[in-house]
Amino acid sequence: MSALQAIHIRGYDERSQPKPHVVYRIEIQASVRSWQMWRRYSEFVDLHIELAKSIGAPPPAELPPKRAFSIFKGLRDPHLLEERREGLELYLRAILSARDDRWRESFAFRDFLGIPVGKHNGIDNGAPSQFTSASWLDEHQELQARIRDVRADINKRDALSDRGDISASHQSNVQAKKKLAGILTRIGVLEDGLRTLGMSGMSEGELQRRNDMVARLRDDCEKLAKMVTVARMTARGLGSSAERNPAAPSDRAALVGTSSLTGFSKPATRVFGTAAPPRETDRTRPLDDHGLVQLQETQMAEQDQQLAQLTTILQRQRHLGLAISDEVARQIEDLDDLTNNIDRVGGKLSNAKKQLNRLG
C-alpha cells in the first residue's frame, strides 16, 4: 500500500434516502492518481469489526464514539458532524501510517477505500479490468440503467414510426444501436472484472450469483439486438407497392385468364380480386334503389360503430399492457436491488463463516 500518499476527509453530505443519514467524503491520493469515496459512519464501524476479526487484533486507533443523532437536530448540528469528521480522518490516517501493515494490506481496508483489486502496492498485476466488490455492483446497476435507456429509444422509434415520422424513427433506432454496442463492450469488461474478483478470494456462491447477473444482462442485450436490427414495418399504399414491383406479363395473363404467349382465350370465370355477382336476399328483394342505398348506409354505420367499439377495447388493452410493463419493470428493479443486497450480505456471511472456521 506504499503507493497511497495521503487520506483526507474534507467534507460530508446529508442525504434523505432511504432514510436521513450523513455520508463522509474520503479523498484518497496515490502516486499516480487520486479519487474519492463516500462512506457512512456505520460502514466505518463494519470496517473496524472486520479488521479486528480478520487480523486478530484491533486497528491502532479507535473510532469516534457513536452518538444518537436526532433526525431533525443531530443531522444538522455542524459541531457534532465536524467532530466526527475529524475523528474518522484520524482513524484512517492511523491505519495508513502504522508500522504494522497488516490492517492496511487487508482486503477489507482496500475494498473500503475503493482500491482496485487488480492492483497491490501500486503495481498493476496485468488484470484487464479493475473492480472492487462494491464498484462491480455499481457498474452492473449502471448497465441495467443503460439497457432501460435502449428500451426507451426503441419505444420512441416505434411511436415515431406510427406517426409517420420515418426520419426521426430511424435516428432513434441508430441511437439505440450505438448504446447497445457500448453496453456489450462494458459487459465484457464486467466479466473480466468478475474473474479478477474470483481470483482475489470472492466466495464461490457469490461468484456464481454474479455470473448469473451477467448472463441476464447478455440475454437482455440479445433481445434488444433483435429488436433494433428488425426494421419496423410501416403502412404503404398498394399503388406505390405495385409501381415498385410490377407483375410479370405471364402472371398478369394467368390472373385474367388469357395467355399473351399463345393468344388462346378461355372463358371468363371467377378470378382473384373480382367481386362475385350480387344476389337478392329476403331483406333486399322488397326494396327499391333508394331503400337499398339506405340499407347500405345503415349497415356501414353499424360497422363503423362496431369498429369504434373495437378500437376502444384495443386502446384499453394497450393501456393495460403498458401499465403491466411499467409494473414489471419496477418489480425487476426491486428484485435487482434485492439481489444486490443479498450479494452484499452473502459476502459478509462468507467472511463471518471463515472467521468461525478459524476459531473452530
Protein backbone atom coordinates (compact mmCIF):
# COMPACT_ATOMS: atom_id res chain seq x y z
CA MET A 1 0.00 0.00 0.00
CA SER A 2 3.05 2.28 -0.23
CA ALA A 3 1.51 3.87 -3.33
CA LEU A 4 -1.04 5.62 -1.11
CA GLN A 5 0.31 9.01 -0.11
CA ALA A 6 -2.50 10.65 1.84
CA ILE A 7 -6.07 10.20 3.05
CA HIS A 8 -8.33 13.13 3.92
CA ILE A 9 -11.95 13.52 4.91
CA ARG A 10 -12.69 17.06 3.82
CA GLY A 11 -16.45 17.16 3.96
CA TYR A 12 -19.77 15.44 4.45
CA ASP A 13 -23.20 15.42 2.89
CA GLU A 14 -26.69 14.95 4.31
CA ARG A 15 -28.92 12.57 2.36
CA SER A 16 -32.57 11.67 2.79
CA GLN A 17 -32.80 8.31 1.00
CA PRO A 18 -33.58 5.62 2.03
CA LYS A 19 -33.76 7.50 5.35
CA PRO A 20 -31.97 10.61 6.66
CA HIS A 21 -28.23 9.96 7.11
CA VAL A 22 -24.82 11.55 6.65
CA VAL A 23 -22.04 10.37 4.33
CA TYR A 24 -18.41 11.49 4.57
CA ARG A 25 -16.24 12.30 1.55
CA ILE A 26 -12.95 10.40 1.75
CA GLU A 27 -10.25 11.75 -0.59
CA ILE A 28 -7.50 9.23 -1.41
CA GLN A 29 -4.29 10.39 -3.03
CA ALA A 30 -1.93 7.85 -4.64
CA SER A 31 1.31 8.22 -6.54
CA VAL A 32 -0.34 8.34 -9.97
CA ARG A 33 -3.95 9.30 -9.36
CA SER A 34 -6.49 10.38 -6.75
CA TRP A 35 -10.15 9.58 -6.15
CA GLN A 36 -12.85 9.90 -3.54
CA MET A 37 -15.29 7.59 -1.76
CA TRP A 38 -18.49 8.32 0.16
CA ARG A 39 -18.94 6.28 3.37
CA ARG A 40 -21.41 6.31 6.26
CA TYR A 41 -20.35 6.06 9.89
CA SER A 42 -21.93 2.60 10.07
CA GLU A 43 -19.59 1.48 7.27
CA PHE A 44 -16.62 2.63 9.34
CA VAL A 45 -17.95 0.50 12.20
CA ASP A 46 -18.24 -2.53 9.90
CA LEU A 47 -14.68 -1.94 8.69
CA HIS A 48 -13.36 -1.75 12.27
CA ILE A 49 -15.08 -5.02 13.21
CA GLU A 50 -13.88 -6.79 10.06
CA LEU A 51 -10.28 -5.65 10.55
CA ALA A 52 -10.28 -6.85 14.15
CA LYS A 53 -11.68 -10.24 13.16
CA SER A 54 -9.52 -10.86 10.11
CA ILE A 55 -6.24 -9.69 11.67
CA GLY A 56 -6.92 -10.95 15.18
CA ALA A 57 -6.21 -7.57 16.77
CA PRO A 58 -7.98 -4.20 16.67
CA PRO A 59 -6.55 -1.41 14.49
CA PRO A 60 -4.13 1.07 16.11
CA ALA A 61 -6.85 3.70 16.51
CA GLU A 62 -10.35 3.93 17.86
CA LEU A 63 -13.39 5.25 16.06
CA PRO A 64 -15.05 8.40 17.38
CA PRO A 65 -17.87 7.49 19.78
CA LYS A 66 -21.32 6.88 18.39
CA ARG A 67 -23.96 9.38 19.41
CA ALA A 68 -27.72 9.11 19.00
CA PHE A 69 -28.27 11.74 16.33
CA SER A 70 -31.77 13.16 16.08
CA ILE A 71 -33.27 13.03 12.63
CA PHE A 72 -34.27 16.67 12.85
CA LYS A 73 -31.47 18.14 15.02
CA GLY A 74 -28.46 15.84 15.07
CA LEU A 75 -28.03 15.65 11.32
CA ARG A 76 -27.89 19.44 11.14
CA ASP A 77 -25.54 20.02 14.10
CA PRO A 78 -22.32 21.29 12.43
CA HIS A 79 -20.28 20.93 15.61
CA LEU A 80 -21.06 17.21 16.07
CA LEU A 81 -20.60 16.46 12.39
CA GLU A 82 -17.25 18.25 12.26
CA GLU A 83 -16.07 16.48 15.41
CA ARG A 84 -16.94 13.09 13.91
CA ARG A 85 -15.30 14.01 10.58
CA GLU A 86 -12.02 14.80 12.32
CA GLY A 87 -12.16 11.58 14.34
CA LEU A 88 -12.78 9.43 11.25
CA GLU A 89 -9.91 11.09 9.39
CA LEU A 90 -7.52 10.42 12.29
CA TYR A 91 -8.70 6.80 12.34
CA LEU A 92 -7.83 6.21 8.67
CA ARG A 93 -4.52 8.06 8.93
CA ALA A 94 -3.50 5.95 11.92
CA ILE A 95 -4.04 2.74 9.93
CA LEU A 96 -2.16 4.16 6.94
CA SER A 97 0.87 5.31 8.97
CA ALA A 98 1.09 2.33 11.37
CA ARG A 99 4.31 0.32 11.35
CA ASP A 100 2.37 -2.91 11.20
CA ASP A 101 0.94 -3.09 7.70
CA ARG A 102 -1.47 -5.97 8.34
CA TRP A 103 -4.53 -3.72 8.61
CA ARG A 104 -3.79 -1.51 5.61
CA GLU A 105 -2.83 -4.51 3.47
CA SER A 106 -6.07 -6.36 4.22
CA PHE A 107 -8.75 -6.86 1.57
CA ALA A 108 -11.38 -5.17 3.79
CA PHE A 109 -9.38 -1.93 4.04
CA ARG A 110 -8.54 -1.83 0.32
CA ASP A 111 -12.16 -2.53 -0.59
CA PHE A 112 -13.34 0.19 1.82
CA LEU A 113 -11.12 2.78 0.10
CA GLY A 114 -12.08 1.58 -3.38
CA ILE A 115 -8.56 0.45 -4.33
CA PRO A 116 -8.84 -1.73 -7.46
CA VAL A 117 -8.45 -5.43 -6.79
CA GLY A 118 -6.07 -5.82 -9.74
CA LYS A 119 -3.50 -3.54 -8.04
CA HIS A 120 -1.46 -4.28 -4.97
CA ASN A 121 1.14 -1.89 -3.59
CA GLY A 122 0.56 0.29 -6.62
CA ILE A 123 1.68 -2.40 -9.12
CA ASP A 124 -0.69 -3.48 -11.86
CA ASN A 125 -0.97 -7.25 -11.92
CA GLY A 126 -1.98 -7.27 -15.56
CA ALA A 127 -5.71 -7.58 -14.92
CA PRO A 128 -7.77 -6.40 -17.90
CA SER A 129 -10.30 -4.72 -15.60
CA GLN A 130 -10.08 -3.44 -12.03
CA PHE A 131 -13.12 -3.54 -9.75
CA THR A 132 -13.78 -3.68 -6.08
CA SER A 133 -16.69 -5.76 -4.87
CA ALA A 134 -18.80 -2.64 -4.44
CA SER A 135 -17.73 -0.89 -7.66
CA TRP A 136 -18.55 -4.05 -9.63
CA LEU A 137 -22.14 -3.88 -8.36
CA ASP A 138 -22.26 -0.16 -9.18
CA GLU A 139 -21.16 -0.92 -12.75
CA HIS A 140 -23.83 -3.63 -13.01
CA GLN A 141 -26.52 -1.18 -11.92
CA GLU A 142 -25.24 1.36 -14.44
CA LEU A 143 -25.51 -1.20 -17.25
CA GLN A 144 -29.07 -2.01 -16.20
CA ALA A 145 -29.91 1.68 -16.48
CA ARG A 146 -28.30 1.79 -19.95
CA ILE A 147 -30.40 -1.18 -21.05
CA ARG A 148 -33.53 0.64 -19.91
CA ASP A 149 -32.41 3.63 -21.99
CA VAL A 150 -32.13 1.39 -25.08
CA ARG A 151 -35.66 0.09 -24.48
CA ALA A 152 -36.89 3.68 -24.23
CA ASP A 153 -35.23 4.53 -27.56
CA ILE A 154 -36.88 1.52 -29.21
CA ASN A 155 -40.30 2.52 -27.85
CA LYS A 156 -39.69 6.07 -29.10
CA ARG A 157 -38.72 4.68 -32.52
CA ASP A 158 -41.96 2.70 -32.75
CA ALA A 159 -44.06 5.67 -31.65
CA LEU A 160 -42.45 7.92 -34.26
CA SER A 161 -42.94 5.26 -36.91
CA ASP A 162 -46.64 5.01 -36.07
CA ARG A 163 -46.93 8.78 -36.53
CA GLY A 164 -45.21 8.56 -39.90
CA ASP A 165 -42.03 10.41 -38.88
CA ILE A 166 -39.65 7.99 -40.61
CA SER A 167 -36.52 10.16 -40.29
CA ALA A 168 -36.83 10.65 -36.53
CA SER A 169 -37.72 6.97 -36.12
CA HIS A 170 -34.55 5.96 -37.95
CA GLN A 171 -32.47 8.32 -35.81
CA SER A 172 -33.85 6.78 -32.61
CA ASN A 173 -33.02 3.32 -33.91
CA VAL A 174 -29.44 4.40 -34.68
CA GLN A 175 -29.05 5.78 -31.17
CA ALA A 176 -30.34 2.52 -29.70
CA LYS A 177 -27.79 0.54 -31.76
CA LYS A 178 -24.90 2.75 -30.61
CA LYS A 179 -25.89 2.47 -26.95
CA LEU A 180 -26.30 -1.29 -27.25
CA ALA A 181 -22.82 -1.66 -28.75
CA GLY A 182 -21.33 0.27 -25.82
CA ILE A 183 -23.24 -1.88 -23.33
CA LEU A 184 -21.91 -5.10 -24.89
CA THR A 185 -18.34 -3.79 -24.59
CA ARG A 186 -18.83 -2.89 -20.94
CA ILE A 187 -20.38 -6.29 -20.20
CA GLY A 188 -17.16 -7.89 -21.45
CA VAL A 189 -15.17 -5.68 -19.08
CA LEU A 190 -17.57 -6.64 -16.28
CA GLU A 191 -16.94 -10.34 -16.95
CA ASP A 192 -13.17 -9.81 -16.86
CA GLY A 193 -13.51 -7.92 -13.59
CA LEU A 194 -15.56 -10.75 -12.10
CA ARG A 195 -12.83 -13.26 -12.95
CA THR A 196 -10.33 -11.00 -11.20
CA LEU A 197 -12.56 -10.81 -8.12
CA GLY A 198 -12.85 -14.60 -8.15
CA MET A 199 -9.07 -14.96 -8.10
CA SER A 200 -8.92 -12.40 -5.25
CA GLY A 201 -10.88 -14.62 -2.87
CA MET A 202 -14.55 -14.00 -3.60
CA SER A 203 -16.73 -16.86 -2.35
CA GLU A 204 -17.89 -19.44 -4.86
CA GLY A 205 -21.58 -18.86 -4.15
CA GLU A 206 -21.36 -15.09 -4.63
CA LEU A 207 -19.26 -15.59 -7.75
CA GLN A 208 -21.96 -17.83 -9.22
CA ARG A 209 -24.69 -15.29 -8.40
CA ARG A 210 -22.77 -12.56 -10.16
CA ASN A 211 -22.17 -14.79 -13.17
CA ASP A 212 -25.95 -15.22 -13.34
CA MET A 213 -26.36 -11.44 -13.18
CA VAL A 214 -24.02 -11.02 -16.15
CA ALA A 215 -25.87 -13.77 -18.05
CA ARG A 216 -29.16 -11.92 -17.56
CA LEU A 217 -27.56 -8.76 -18.94
CA ARG A 218 -26.43 -10.65 -22.04
CA ASP A 219 -29.92 -12.15 -22.51
CA ASP A 220 -31.45 -8.68 -22.37
CA CYS A 221 -28.91 -7.42 -24.91
CA GLU A 222 -29.66 -10.29 -27.29
CA LYS A 223 -33.38 -9.49 -27.18
CA LEU A 224 -32.72 -5.80 -27.75
CA ALA A 225 -30.33 -6.60 -30.63
CA LYS A 226 -33.12 -8.45 -32.43
CA MET A 227 -35.44 -5.51 -31.89
CA VAL A 228 -33.06 -2.87 -33.22
CA THR A 229 -32.00 -4.89 -36.28
CA VAL A 230 -35.52 -5.63 -37.49
CA ALA A 231 -36.95 -2.58 -39.26
CA ARG A 232 -40.43 -1.57 -38.21
CA MET A 233 -42.96 -2.13 -41.00
CA THR A 234 -44.90 0.99 -41.95
CA ALA A 235 -48.17 1.30 -43.79
CA ARG A 236 -47.78 1.83 -47.52
CA GLY A 237 -50.29 2.28 -50.34
CA LEU A 238 -50.98 -0.56 -52.71
CA GLY A 239 -50.37 1.65 -55.75
CA SER A 240 -46.83 2.58 -54.75
CA SER A 241 -46.03 -1.04 -53.97
CA ALA A 242 -47.30 -2.14 -57.37
CA GLU A 243 -45.25 0.55 -59.10
CA ARG A 244 -42.09 -0.63 -57.34
CA ASN A 245 -42.77 -4.30 -58.04
CA PRO A 246 -44.65 -4.62 -61.36
CA ALA A 247 -46.07 -8.05 -62.13
CA ALA A 248 -44.59 -10.14 -64.92
CA PRO A 249 -46.67 -10.39 -68.14
CA SER A 250 -47.17 -14.14 -67.69
CA ASP A 251 -48.51 -13.62 -64.17
CA ARG A 252 -50.90 -10.93 -65.37
CA ALA A 253 -52.14 -13.20 -68.14
CA ALA A 254 -52.70 -16.06 -65.72
CA LEU A 255 -54.60 -13.76 -63.39
CA VAL A 256 -57.10 -12.55 -66.02
CA GLY A 257 -57.37 -15.94 -67.72
CA THR A 258 -55.58 -15.27 -71.05
CA SER A 259 -52.14 -16.07 -72.33
CA SER A 260 -50.25 -13.46 -74.31
CA LEU A 261 -47.85 -16.16 -75.45
CA THR A 262 -50.37 -18.46 -77.17
CA GLY A 263 -53.14 -15.98 -77.94
CA PHE A 264 -55.62 -18.53 -76.55
CA SER A 265 -58.54 -17.13 -74.63
CA LYS A 266 -60.50 -19.23 -72.17
CA PRO A 267 -63.99 -18.46 -70.87
CA ALA A 268 -64.04 -15.87 -68.10
CA THR A 269 -64.55 -17.38 -64.67
CA ARG A 270 -64.16 -16.24 -61.06
CA VAL A 271 -60.74 -14.57 -60.83
CA PHE A 272 -58.92 -13.46 -57.71
CA GLY A 273 -59.81 -9.83 -56.97
CA THR A 274 -63.08 -9.89 -58.95
CA ALA A 275 -66.26 -9.40 -56.92
CA ALA A 276 -68.96 -12.09 -57.09
CA PRO A 277 -72.19 -11.08 -58.87
CA PRO A 278 -74.76 -9.58 -56.47
CA ARG A 279 -77.56 -11.84 -55.26
CA GLU A 280 -81.00 -10.95 -53.97
CA THR A 281 -81.88 -11.76 -50.36
CA ASP A 282 -85.14 -11.72 -48.44
CA ARG A 283 -84.05 -8.43 -46.93
CA THR A 284 -83.20 -6.67 -50.19
CA ARG A 285 -85.89 -8.11 -52.50
CA PRO A 286 -88.76 -5.79 -51.43
CA LEU A 287 -86.58 -2.64 -51.53
CA ASP A 288 -86.18 -0.20 -54.39
CA ASP A 289 -82.95 1.63 -55.29
CA HIS A 290 -83.43 4.28 -52.63
CA GLY A 291 -84.13 1.63 -49.99
CA LEU A 292 -81.02 -0.32 -50.98
CA VAL A 293 -78.89 2.79 -50.56
CA GLN A 294 -80.39 3.42 -47.12
CA LEU A 295 -79.81 -0.22 -46.14
CA GLN A 296 -76.20 0.03 -47.23
CA GLU A 297 -75.68 3.24 -45.27
CA THR A 298 -77.26 1.67 -42.19
CA GLN A 299 -75.00 -1.36 -42.42
CA MET A 300 -71.93 0.83 -42.89
CA ALA A 301 -72.92 2.93 -39.85
CA GLU A 302 -73.29 -0.25 -37.78
CA GLN A 303 -69.88 -1.45 -38.93
CA ASP A 304 -68.33 1.91 -38.09
CA GLN A 305 -69.87 1.74 -34.62
CA GLN A 306 -68.57 -1.79 -34.07
CA LEU A 307 -65.15 -0.71 -35.30
CA ALA A 308 -65.16 2.22 -32.86
CA GLN A 309 -66.05 -0.13 -30.02
CA LEU A 310 -63.26 -2.49 -31.06
CA THR A 311 -60.84 0.43 -31.20
CA THR A 312 -61.82 1.46 -27.66
CA ILE A 313 -61.27 -2.10 -26.42
CA LEU A 314 -57.88 -2.30 -28.12
CA GLN A 315 -56.82 1.04 -26.66
CA ARG A 316 -57.85 -0.14 -23.20
CA GLN A 317 -55.86 -3.33 -23.70
CA ARG A 318 -52.87 -1.26 -24.83
CA HIS A 319 -53.04 0.91 -21.72
CA LEU A 320 -53.30 -2.18 -19.54
CA GLY A 321 -50.30 -3.68 -21.32
CA LEU A 322 -48.25 -0.53 -20.78
CA ALA A 323 -49.23 -0.43 -17.12
CA ILE A 324 -48.26 -4.08 -16.70
CA SER A 325 -44.97 -3.42 -18.46
CA ASP A 326 -44.18 -0.50 -16.15
CA GLU A 327 -45.07 -2.56 -13.11
CA VAL A 328 -42.91 -5.46 -14.29
CA ALA A 329 -40.02 -3.03 -14.88
CA ARG A 330 -40.40 -1.69 -11.33
CA GLN A 331 -40.55 -5.20 -9.93
CA ILE A 332 -37.38 -6.10 -11.86
CA GLU A 333 -35.60 -3.09 -10.40
CA ASP A 334 -36.74 -4.07 -6.90
CA LEU A 335 -35.56 -7.64 -7.48
CA ASP A 336 -32.22 -6.36 -8.76
CA ASP A 337 -31.83 -4.23 -5.64
CA LEU A 338 -32.77 -7.22 -3.50
CA THR A 339 -30.25 -9.39 -5.35
CA ASN A 340 -27.52 -6.81 -4.80
CA ASN A 341 -28.35 -6.65 -1.10
CA ILE A 342 -28.30 -10.45 -0.90
CA ASP A 343 -24.91 -10.43 -2.61
CA ARG A 344 -23.54 -7.99 -0.05
CA VAL A 345 -24.99 -9.93 2.88
CA GLY A 346 -23.71 -13.15 1.37
CA GLY A 347 -20.21 -11.72 1.24
CA LYS A 348 -20.38 -10.70 4.88
CA LEU A 349 -21.73 -14.11 5.88
CA SER A 350 -18.90 -15.80 3.98
CA ASN A 351 -16.34 -13.71 5.83
CA ALA A 352 -18.03 -14.47 9.14
CA LYS A 353 -18.03 -18.19 8.32
CA LYS A 354 -14.29 -18.05 7.57
CA GLN A 355 -13.66 -16.41 10.91
CA LEU A 356 -15.76 -19.02 12.71
CA ASN A 357 -13.83 -21.78 10.97
CA ARG A 358 -10.57 -20.23 12.17
CA LEU A 359 -11.86 -20.03 15.74
CA GLY A 360 -13.07 -23.64 15.49
